[in-house]
Amino acid sequence: MPGLWVAGGWGLLAGSALLLGALVGYLARVPAAVVAGVMAFGSGVLLSAVSFELVAEAHERGGLAATAVGTAVGAVVYTLANVVLAGRGARHRKRSGGQQPSEDEQAGSGGAIALGALLDGVPESIVIGTSLLGGGSVSAATVAAVFISNVPEGLSSASGMRRAGRGPRYVFALWGGIALISALAAMLGHGVLGGASPQVLAGITALAGGAILAMVADTMIPEAFEDARLWSGLITVAGFLTAFALSRL
C-alpha cells in the first residue's frame, strides 16, 4: 500500500507541471517564439526519455520482441485515438496561436481537447508507477523528463485556449484535473501491474514509449517548428542532451 501512495505522489508531481505551465500560458502574454522554443526543448527531453529510459528498460525486461510489439501498438493506438479526437476539434490542442477552435466554431471541441490532454498524459504517468515495481526507486530521469516536458505542453495549450475564448475556470479545472488523473494513473500502473511478468511489463513500458513518441511527432514538434523554425532542431538537441545527462546521474 505505501508504494501506491509513493507512485501517486510522483505522478502528481509530474502532472502538476501541466498546471504550472497552464498558469503561465493563460495569465501571461508569452511570445510565440518563446513558447515554440520551450516546446522544442520539451520535445527533446521526451525523445531522450523514450530512447534511454522506456524503450531501453523494456528491452532489458522482456527482450526485443515484446519491446517492438509494445512500441508499435502504443503508436498505433495513440494515432487512431488522435485521429478521432482531431476530427472533433482537438487537432491543435497544444498550439498556442489561433489554431484551436472555440465552442462556437466547433461544438464539443472543448471536451475533445480535454480527452486529448488525457491521451497525452496518461501513458507517462503509468510508466512512473511501473518504475517502482519490485521495490525499486522511481526513475528520477523519467519523472524529470515528464515534468520538464509537461510545462511547455500546459503553457502552449492554455495560451491557445485563451485565444479560443475559453475561460480560466475551464482551463485550470482541466489541467488541475489532469494532474490528479496523472497521480491516479501512476497508482494504477503500480497497483494493477504489480504481479505482471517481465514480458508484460516490457510490453506496457514500450507501449507507453510508442504512444509518447507518436505524441511528440504529432503535436509537440509542429508547435515548436511553427515559430522557432531554424532554431528548433538545436533547441530540441539541447533538451535531448539535458535528459540524457539526468539519466546518467
Protein backbone atom coordinates (compact mmCIF):
# COMPACT_ATOMS: atom_id res chain seq x y z
CA MET A 1 0.00 0.00 0.00
CA PRO A 2 2.74 2.60 0.75
CA GLY A 3 4.07 2.02 -2.75
CA LEU A 4 0.73 3.09 -4.22
CA TRP A 5 0.88 6.44 -2.45
CA VAL A 6 4.51 6.95 -3.41
CA ALA A 7 3.66 6.25 -7.05
CA GLY A 8 0.69 8.61 -6.83
CA GLY A 9 2.87 11.33 -5.33
CA TRP A 10 5.41 11.11 -8.13
CA GLY A 11 2.65 11.05 -10.73
CA LEU A 12 1.06 14.13 -9.17
CA LEU A 13 4.41 15.92 -9.13
CA ALA A 14 4.96 15.24 -12.82
CA GLY A 15 1.37 16.11 -13.72
CA SER A 16 1.41 19.33 -11.70
CA ALA A 17 3.82 20.75 -14.26
CA LEU A 18 0.86 20.89 -16.68
CA LEU A 19 -1.00 23.17 -14.28
CA LEU A 20 2.13 25.26 -13.72
CA GLY A 21 2.58 25.71 -17.46
CA ALA A 22 -1.12 26.49 -17.89
CA LEU A 23 -0.93 29.23 -15.26
CA VAL A 24 1.93 30.90 -17.10
CA GLY A 25 0.41 30.38 -20.54
CA TYR A 26 -3.03 31.72 -19.59
CA LEU A 27 -2.11 34.59 -17.29
CA ALA A 28 1.00 35.88 -19.08
CA ARG A 29 1.45 37.03 -22.66
CA VAL A 30 4.31 34.74 -23.58
CA PRO A 31 5.81 35.48 -27.02
CA ALA A 32 5.11 32.78 -29.58
CA ALA A 33 8.82 32.29 -30.23
CA VAL A 34 9.42 31.58 -26.54
CA VAL A 35 6.56 29.07 -26.44
CA ALA A 36 7.96 27.35 -29.52
CA GLY A 37 11.45 27.22 -28.04
CA VAL A 38 10.23 25.73 -24.77
CA MET A 39 8.16 23.19 -26.71
CA ALA A 40 11.21 22.22 -28.77
CA PHE A 41 13.20 21.70 -25.57
CA GLY A 42 10.41 19.57 -24.12
CA SER A 43 10.31 17.51 -27.30
CA GLY A 44 13.99 16.73 -26.96
CA VAL A 45 13.54 15.78 -23.32
CA LEU A 46 10.79 13.29 -24.14
CA LEU A 47 12.68 11.82 -27.10
CA SER A 48 15.59 11.14 -24.77
CA ALA A 49 13.34 9.62 -22.10
CA VAL A 50 11.71 7.30 -24.64
CA SER A 51 15.09 6.22 -26.02
CA PHE A 52 17.19 5.76 -22.88
CA GLU A 53 14.58 5.07 -20.21
CA LEU A 54 11.42 3.49 -21.62
CA VAL A 55 12.50 1.50 -24.67
CA ALA A 56 15.85 0.55 -23.17
CA GLU A 57 14.18 -0.59 -19.93
CA ALA A 58 11.55 -2.55 -21.86
CA HIS A 59 14.28 -4.33 -23.81
CA GLU A 60 16.13 -5.26 -20.62
CA ARG A 61 12.94 -6.62 -19.05
CA GLY A 62 11.35 -8.50 -21.92
CA GLY A 63 13.64 -8.62 -24.91
CA LEU A 64 13.35 -7.29 -28.44
CA ALA A 65 10.05 -8.91 -29.46
CA ALA A 66 8.00 -7.58 -26.54
CA THR A 67 9.61 -4.16 -26.91
CA ALA A 68 8.98 -3.92 -30.64
CA VAL A 69 5.37 -5.11 -30.38
CA GLY A 70 4.60 -2.83 -27.43
CA THR A 71 6.12 0.23 -29.09
CA ALA A 72 4.24 -0.37 -32.34
CA VAL A 73 0.93 -1.00 -30.57
CA GLY A 74 1.35 2.15 -28.47
CA ALA A 75 1.98 4.25 -31.56
CA VAL A 76 -0.98 2.74 -33.43
CA VAL A 77 -3.42 3.13 -30.52
CA TYR A 78 -2.33 6.73 -29.89
CA THR A 79 -2.54 7.64 -33.57
CA LEU A 80 -6.00 6.16 -34.06
CA ALA A 81 -7.32 7.89 -30.93
CA ASN A 82 -5.69 11.13 -32.02
CA VAL A 83 -7.31 10.91 -35.45
CA VAL A 84 -10.75 10.55 -33.83
CA LEU A 85 -10.15 13.47 -31.46
CA ALA A 86 -8.67 15.62 -34.23
CA GLY A 87 -11.91 15.29 -36.14
CA ARG A 88 -13.78 16.59 -33.09
CA GLY A 89 -11.65 19.71 -32.65
CA ALA A 90 -8.59 18.61 -30.69
CA ARG A 91 -6.08 18.57 -33.53
CA HIS A 92 -4.33 21.74 -32.36
CA ARG A 93 -4.68 21.25 -28.61
CA LYS A 94 -1.01 22.08 -27.99
CA ARG A 95 -0.90 25.06 -30.33
CA SER A 96 -0.54 28.49 -28.77
CA GLY A 97 -1.72 30.58 -31.72
CA GLY A 98 -5.21 30.90 -33.11
CA GLN A 99 -5.46 27.33 -34.38
CA GLN A 100 -7.68 25.98 -31.58
CA PRO A 101 -11.39 26.27 -32.41
CA SER A 102 -13.82 27.86 -29.99
CA GLU A 103 -17.06 26.16 -28.97
CA ASP A 104 -18.92 28.48 -31.37
CA GLU A 105 -16.67 27.40 -34.25
CA GLN A 106 -16.86 23.68 -33.41
CA ALA A 107 -19.25 22.45 -30.76
CA GLY A 108 -17.74 19.85 -28.46
CA SER A 109 -14.16 20.85 -29.21
CA GLY A 110 -13.55 21.68 -25.54
CA GLY A 111 -14.38 18.14 -24.49
CA ALA A 112 -12.25 16.75 -27.29
CA ILE A 113 -9.31 18.87 -26.17
CA ALA A 114 -9.74 17.59 -22.61
CA LEU A 115 -9.75 13.98 -23.81
CA GLY A 116 -6.72 14.71 -25.98
CA ALA A 117 -4.85 16.08 -22.98
CA LEU A 118 -5.64 12.87 -21.10
CA LEU A 119 -4.47 10.82 -24.08
CA ASP A 120 -1.15 12.68 -23.99
CA GLY A 121 -0.56 12.48 -20.25
CA VAL A 122 -1.73 9.09 -19.01
CA PRO A 123 0.96 6.88 -20.63
CA GLU A 124 3.71 8.93 -18.98
CA SER A 125 2.16 8.52 -15.54
CA ILE A 126 1.62 4.77 -15.89
CA VAL A 127 5.32 4.39 -16.62
CA ILE A 128 6.18 6.31 -13.45
CA GLY A 129 4.09 3.83 -11.45
CA THR A 130 5.59 0.75 -13.07
CA SER A 131 9.13 2.00 -12.44
CA LEU A 132 8.54 1.47 -8.70
CA LEU A 133 7.64 -2.20 -9.05
CA GLY A 134 9.92 -4.77 -7.45
CA GLY A 135 10.83 -2.48 -4.59
CA GLY A 136 12.94 -0.22 -6.78
CA SER A 137 13.09 3.54 -6.62
CA VAL A 138 11.37 5.77 -9.09
CA SER A 139 13.36 6.76 -12.16
CA ALA A 140 14.34 10.34 -11.40
CA ALA A 141 15.22 10.89 -15.04
CA THR A 142 11.76 9.78 -16.18
CA VAL A 143 9.97 11.99 -13.65
CA ALA A 144 12.22 14.93 -14.55
CA ALA A 145 11.66 14.35 -18.27
CA VAL A 146 7.88 14.22 -17.87
CA PHE A 147 7.87 17.30 -15.60
CA ILE A 148 10.09 19.33 -17.93
CA SER A 149 8.06 18.37 -21.00
CA ASN A 150 4.71 18.98 -19.28
CA VAL A 151 5.47 22.64 -18.60
CA PRO A 152 5.55 23.67 -22.27
CA GLU A 153 2.58 21.42 -23.04
CA GLY A 154 0.41 23.18 -20.46
CA LEU A 155 1.81 26.59 -21.40
CA SER A 156 1.17 26.24 -25.11
CA SER A 157 -2.27 24.67 -24.74
CA ALA A 158 -3.51 27.22 -22.21
CA SER A 159 -2.30 30.08 -24.36
CA GLY A 160 -4.23 28.64 -27.30
CA MET A 161 -7.32 28.10 -25.12
CA ARG A 162 -7.26 31.73 -24.04
CA ARG A 163 -7.12 32.81 -27.69
CA ALA A 164 -10.05 30.49 -28.46
CA GLY A 165 -12.14 32.25 -25.80
CA ARG A 166 -12.14 29.58 -23.08
CA GLY A 167 -12.37 30.98 -19.58
CA PRO A 168 -9.97 30.46 -16.67
CA ARG A 169 -12.38 28.15 -14.82
CA TYR A 170 -12.38 25.72 -17.75
CA VAL A 171 -8.62 25.92 -18.34
CA PHE A 172 -7.46 25.50 -14.75
CA ALA A 173 -10.07 22.89 -13.89
CA LEU A 174 -8.94 20.92 -16.95
CA TRP A 175 -5.25 20.95 -16.12
CA GLY A 176 -5.79 20.53 -12.39
CA GLY A 177 -7.99 17.53 -13.09
CA ILE A 178 -5.41 16.02 -15.41
CA ALA A 179 -2.74 16.46 -12.74
CA LEU A 180 -4.93 14.44 -10.35
CA ILE A 181 -5.61 11.82 -13.02
CA SER A 182 -1.86 11.59 -13.58
CA ALA A 183 -1.49 10.61 -9.93
CA LEU A 184 -4.23 8.00 -10.27
CA ALA A 185 -2.65 6.62 -13.46
CA ALA A 186 0.68 6.23 -11.67
CA MET A 187 -1.09 4.39 -8.85
CA LEU A 188 -2.86 2.22 -11.42
CA GLY A 189 0.41 1.38 -13.11
CA HIS A 190 1.90 0.35 -9.77
CA GLY A 191 -1.10 -1.45 -8.33
CA VAL A 192 -2.56 -3.34 -11.28
CA LEU A 193 0.74 -4.42 -12.80
CA GLY A 194 2.40 -5.49 -9.54
CA GLY A 195 2.22 -9.21 -10.35
CA ALA A 196 2.82 -8.94 -14.08
CA SER A 197 5.58 -10.91 -15.81
CA PRO A 198 8.70 -9.15 -17.13
CA GLN A 199 7.42 -9.60 -20.68
CA VAL A 200 4.10 -7.92 -19.84
CA LEU A 201 5.86 -5.06 -18.04
CA ALA A 202 8.18 -4.67 -21.00
CA GLY A 203 5.22 -4.51 -23.35
CA ILE A 204 3.42 -1.90 -21.21
CA THR A 205 6.54 0.23 -20.87
CA ALA A 206 7.22 0.02 -24.61
CA LEU A 207 3.56 0.74 -25.36
CA ALA A 208 3.80 3.97 -23.35
CA GLY A 209 7.04 4.80 -25.15
CA GLY A 210 5.43 4.31 -28.55
CA ALA A 211 2.46 6.48 -27.59
CA ILE A 212 4.73 9.25 -26.28
CA LEU A 213 6.91 9.13 -29.39
CA ALA A 214 3.86 9.44 -31.65
CA MET A 215 2.54 12.30 -29.49
CA VAL A 216 5.81 14.23 -29.77
CA ALA A 217 5.83 13.88 -33.56
CA ASP A 218 2.13 14.72 -33.97
CA THR A 219 1.61 17.56 -31.50
CA MET A 220 4.81 18.98 -29.99
CA ILE A 221 7.26 19.23 -32.87
CA PRO A 222 4.77 21.04 -35.17
CA GLU A 223 4.20 23.68 -32.49
CA ALA A 224 7.96 24.00 -31.94
CA PHE A 225 8.68 24.45 -35.64
CA GLU A 226 5.84 26.93 -36.15
CA ASP A 227 7.78 29.84 -34.65
CA ALA A 228 11.24 28.56 -33.68
CA ARG A 229 11.88 27.47 -37.28
CA LEU A 230 15.60 27.05 -37.90
CA TRP A 231 16.39 27.10 -34.17
CA SER A 232 14.01 24.28 -33.28
CA GLY A 233 16.49 21.50 -34.10
CA LEU A 234 19.24 22.99 -31.94
CA ILE A 235 16.88 23.56 -29.00
CA THR A 236 15.50 20.02 -29.32
CA VAL A 237 19.03 18.61 -29.15
CA ALA A 238 19.67 20.70 -26.01
CA GLY A 239 16.60 19.13 -24.38
CA PHE A 240 17.68 15.66 -25.51
CA LEU A 241 21.15 16.07 -24.00
CA THR A 242 19.75 17.50 -20.76
CA ALA A 243 17.52 14.47 -20.23
CA PHE A 244 20.33 12.13 -21.24
CA ALA A 245 22.61 13.69 -18.64
CA LEU A 246 19.90 13.30 -15.98
CA SER A 247 19.53 9.62 -16.84
CA ARG A 248 23.23 9.07 -16.21
CA LEU A 249 23.43 10.74 -12.80
